[in-house]
Amino acid sequence: MLIALTVGGTVVARPLLVAPAVALPFTAVWAWLAATSDDSGLWPIGATLALAGSALAASAVTALTHTVLRRLRRG
């Protein structure tokens, strides 16, 4: 689902805005759910890893989608 949102966002918006627009809300929801159910207090570490991973993945998908779109538009 996040891949589809990232590809769609890259098609309609500026590529530099897409990765943060996907990673930040995903991490916020993940952190909220983790904080409400975590007894160990380690959810901030998980949230940091979720942010880093989702930002990296969204950046890679955005770059790939942007490259494909540029090549298709050139002909």
N, C-alpha and C. Protein backbone atom coordinates (compact mmCIF):
# COMPACT_ATOMS: atom_id res chain seq x y z
N MET A 1 0.82 -1.19 0.00
CA MET A 1 0.00 0.00 0.00
C MET A 1 0.87 1.27 0.00
N LEU A 2 1.92 1.26 0.81
CA LEU A 2 2.79 2.43 0.84
C LEU A 2 3.53 2.62 -0.48
N ILE A 3 3.84 1.53 -1.15
CA ILE A 3 4.49 1.64 -2.46
C ILE A 3 3.55 2.31 -3.45
N ALA A 4 2.30 1.91 -3.45
CA ALA A 4 1.31 2.51 -4.36
C ALA A 4 1.14 4.00 -4.06
N LEU A 5 1.10 4.36 -2.79
CA LEU A 5 0.98 5.77 -2.43
C LEU A 5 2.22 6.56 -2.86
N THR A 6 3.38 5.94 -2.73
CA THR A 6 4.61 6.61 -3.12
C THR A 6 4.67 6.81 -4.63
N VAL A 7 4.32 5.80 -5.38
CA VAL A 7 4.32 5.92 -6.85
C VAL A 7 3.29 6.97 -7.27
N GLY A 8 2.09 6.89 -6.73
CA GLY A 8 1.06 7.87 -7.07
C GLY A 8 1.45 9.28 -6.69
N GLY A 9 2.07 9.43 -5.54
CA GLY A 9 2.52 10.75 -5.12
C GLY A 9 3.60 11.31 -6.03
N THR A 10 4.48 10.43 -6.50
CA THR A 10 5.54 10.88 -7.40
C THR A 10 4.97 11.33 -8.74
N VAL A 11 3.90 10.70 -9.17
CA VAL A 11 3.27 11.07 -10.44
C VAL A 11 2.62 12.45 -10.34
N VAL A 12 2.01 12.76 -9.21
CA VAL A 12 1.23 14.01 -9.11
C VAL A 12 1.92 15.13 -8.34
N ALA A 13 3.00 14.85 -7.62
CA ALA A 13 3.63 15.88 -6.79
C ALA A 13 5.13 15.95 -7.07
N ARG A 14 5.77 16.90 -6.44
CA ARG A 14 7.22 17.03 -6.56
C ARG A 14 7.89 15.86 -5.85
N PRO A 15 8.84 15.22 -6.51
CA PRO A 15 9.47 14.03 -5.93
C PRO A 15 10.14 14.26 -4.57
N LEU A 16 10.67 15.44 -4.33
CA LEU A 16 11.33 15.71 -3.06
C LEU A 16 10.36 15.74 -1.87
N LEU A 17 9.10 15.94 -2.15
CA LEU A 17 8.11 16.00 -1.07
C LEU A 17 7.48 14.65 -0.77
N VAL A 18 7.64 13.70 -1.65
CA VAL A 18 6.90 12.44 -1.53
C VAL A 18 7.42 11.57 -0.38
N ALA A 19 8.72 11.38 -0.30
CA ALA A 19 9.27 10.50 0.74
C ALA A 19 8.90 10.97 2.15
N PRO A 20 9.07 12.25 2.50
CA PRO A 20 8.65 12.68 3.83
C PRO A 20 7.13 12.58 4.03
N ALA A 21 6.38 12.83 2.96
CA ALA A 21 4.92 12.77 3.06
C ALA A 21 4.43 11.34 3.30
N VAL A 22 5.21 10.35 2.94
CA VAL A 22 4.85 8.95 3.19
C VAL A 22 5.43 8.49 4.52
N ALA A 23 6.69 8.81 4.77
CA ALA A 23 7.39 8.28 5.95
C ALA A 23 6.88 8.88 7.27
N LEU A 24 6.63 10.17 7.31
CA LEU A 24 6.24 10.80 8.57
C LEU A 24 4.87 10.34 9.09
N PRO A 25 3.83 10.33 8.28
CA PRO A 25 2.55 9.83 8.80
C PRO A 25 2.60 8.34 9.17
N PHE A 26 3.30 7.55 8.37
CA PHE A 26 3.44 6.13 8.70
C PHE A 26 4.10 5.96 10.06
N THR A 27 5.18 6.69 10.28
CA THR A 27 5.90 6.58 11.55
C THR A 27 5.06 7.11 12.70
N ALA A 28 4.32 8.18 12.49
CA ALA A 28 3.48 8.72 13.55
C ALA A 28 2.43 7.72 14.00
N VAL A 29 1.77 7.08 13.05
CA VAL A 29 0.75 6.08 13.39
C VAL A 29 1.39 4.88 14.06
N TRP A 30 2.52 4.43 13.52
CA TRP A 30 3.22 3.28 14.11
C TRP A 30 3.62 3.59 15.55
N ALA A 31 4.19 4.78 15.78
CA ALA A 31 4.63 5.16 17.12
C ALA A 31 3.46 5.26 18.09
N TRP A 32 2.36 5.81 17.64
CA TRP A 32 1.18 5.92 18.50
C TRP A 32 0.67 4.54 18.91
N LEU A 33 0.57 3.65 17.94
CA LEU A 33 0.13 2.29 18.26
C LEU A 33 1.12 1.56 19.16
N ALA A 34 2.39 1.73 18.90
CA ALA A 34 3.42 1.07 19.72
C ALA A 34 3.45 1.65 21.13
N ALA A 35 3.33 2.95 21.26
CA ALA A 35 3.39 3.59 22.58
C ALA A 35 2.22 3.16 23.47
N THR A 36 1.09 2.90 22.87
CA THR A 36 -0.08 2.51 23.67
C THR A 36 -0.04 1.05 24.11
N SER A 37 0.81 0.26 23.49
CA SER A 37 0.83 -1.16 23.85
C SER A 37 2.19 -1.65 24.35
N ASP A 38 3.17 -0.78 24.46
CA ASP A 38 4.53 -1.19 24.83
C ASP A 38 4.74 -1.02 26.33
N ASP A 39 5.18 -2.09 26.98
CA ASP A 39 5.48 -2.02 28.41
C ASP A 39 6.97 -1.82 28.67
N SER A 40 7.81 -2.02 27.68
CA SER A 40 9.25 -1.95 27.87
C SER A 40 9.81 -0.54 27.73
N GLY A 41 9.09 0.35 27.07
CA GLY A 41 9.58 1.70 26.83
C GLY A 41 10.53 1.81 25.66
N LEU A 42 10.60 0.78 24.85
CA LEU A 42 11.52 0.79 23.70
C LEU A 42 10.86 1.27 22.41
N TRP A 43 9.63 1.70 22.47
CA TRP A 43 8.95 2.11 21.25
C TRP A 43 9.64 3.28 20.54
N PRO A 44 10.32 4.23 21.25
CA PRO A 44 11.01 5.29 20.50
C PRO A 44 12.13 4.75 19.59
N ILE A 45 12.78 3.68 20.01
CA ILE A 45 13.82 3.09 19.17
C ILE A 45 13.18 2.48 17.93
N GLY A 46 12.07 1.78 18.12
CA GLY A 46 11.35 1.22 16.99
C GLY A 46 10.83 2.29 16.06
N ALA A 47 10.36 3.40 16.63
CA ALA A 47 9.86 4.50 15.80
C ALA A 47 10.99 5.11 14.97
N THR A 48 12.17 5.23 15.56
CA THR A 48 13.31 5.75 14.82
C THR A 48 13.68 4.83 13.66
N LEU A 49 13.69 3.53 13.94
CA LEU A 49 13.99 2.57 12.88
C LEU A 49 12.90 2.55 11.81
N ALA A 50 11.64 2.68 12.22
CA ALA A 50 10.54 2.72 11.25
C ALA A 50 10.66 3.96 10.36
N LEU A 51 11.01 5.09 10.97
CA LEU A 51 11.18 6.32 10.18
C LEU A 51 12.32 6.18 9.20
N ALA A 52 13.46 5.68 9.67
CA ALA A 52 14.61 5.53 8.78
C ALA A 52 14.31 4.56 7.64
N GLY A 53 13.72 3.43 7.96
CA GLY A 53 13.42 2.44 6.93
C GLY A 53 12.38 2.90 5.93
N SER A 54 11.31 3.52 6.43
CA SER A 54 10.27 3.97 5.50
C SER A 54 10.75 5.15 4.66
N ALA A 55 11.57 6.02 5.23
CA ALA A 55 12.12 7.13 4.44
C ALA A 55 13.07 6.63 3.36
N LEU A 56 13.90 5.66 3.72
CA LEU A 56 14.82 5.11 2.73
C LEU A 56 14.08 4.38 1.62
N ALA A 57 13.11 3.58 1.98
CA ALA A 57 12.33 2.84 0.98
C ALA A 57 11.52 3.80 0.10
N ALA A 58 10.89 4.78 0.71
CA ALA A 58 10.10 5.75 -0.07
C ALA A 58 11.00 6.56 -1.00
N SER A 59 12.20 6.87 -0.55
CA SER A 59 13.14 7.61 -1.40
C SER A 59 13.56 6.77 -2.61
N ALA A 60 13.81 5.50 -2.37
CA ALA A 60 14.20 4.61 -3.47
C ALA A 60 13.06 4.45 -4.48
N VAL A 61 11.85 4.26 -4.00
CA VAL A 61 10.70 4.11 -4.90
C VAL A 61 10.45 5.41 -5.65
N THR A 62 10.58 6.53 -4.97
CA THR A 62 10.40 7.83 -5.61
C THR A 62 11.43 8.05 -6.71
N ALA A 63 12.68 7.75 -6.42
CA ALA A 63 13.74 7.92 -7.42
C ALA A 63 13.51 7.03 -8.63
N LEU A 64 13.15 5.80 -8.40
CA LEU A 64 12.89 4.87 -9.50
C LEU A 64 11.70 5.34 -10.33
N THR A 65 10.62 5.71 -9.67
CA THR A 65 9.42 6.18 -10.38
C THR A 65 9.71 7.44 -11.17
N HIS A 66 10.44 8.38 -10.57
CA HIS A 66 10.77 9.63 -11.25
C HIS A 66 11.63 9.36 -12.49
N THR A 67 12.57 8.45 -12.37
CA THR A 67 13.42 8.09 -13.51
C THR A 67 12.60 7.48 -14.64
N VAL A 68 11.71 6.57 -14.29
CA VAL A 68 10.86 5.93 -15.31
C VAL A 68 9.96 6.97 -15.97
N LEU A 69 9.38 7.85 -15.21
CA LEU A 69 8.50 8.87 -15.78
C LEU A 69 9.26 9.81 -16.71
N ARG A 70 10.47 10.20 -16.33
CA ARG A 70 11.28 11.06 -17.19
C ARG A 70 11.59 10.39 -18.52
N ARG A 71 11.94 9.12 -18.47
CA ARG A 71 12.25 8.39 -19.72
C ARG A 71 11.02 8.20 -20.58
N LEU A 72 9.88 7.97 -19.97
CA LEU A 72 8.63 7.82 -20.76
C LEU A 72 8.22 9.14 -21.40
N ARG A 73 8.44 10.24 -20.72
CA ARG A 73 8.04 11.56 -21.25
C ARG A 73 8.96 11.99 -22.39
N ARG A 74 10.21 11.53 -22.37
CA ARG A 74 11.14 11.88 -23.45
C ARG A 74 10.81 11.17 -24.74
N GLY A 75 10.20 10.04 -24.60
CA GLY A 75 9.79 9.36 -25.83
C GLY A 75 10.44 8.07 -26.01
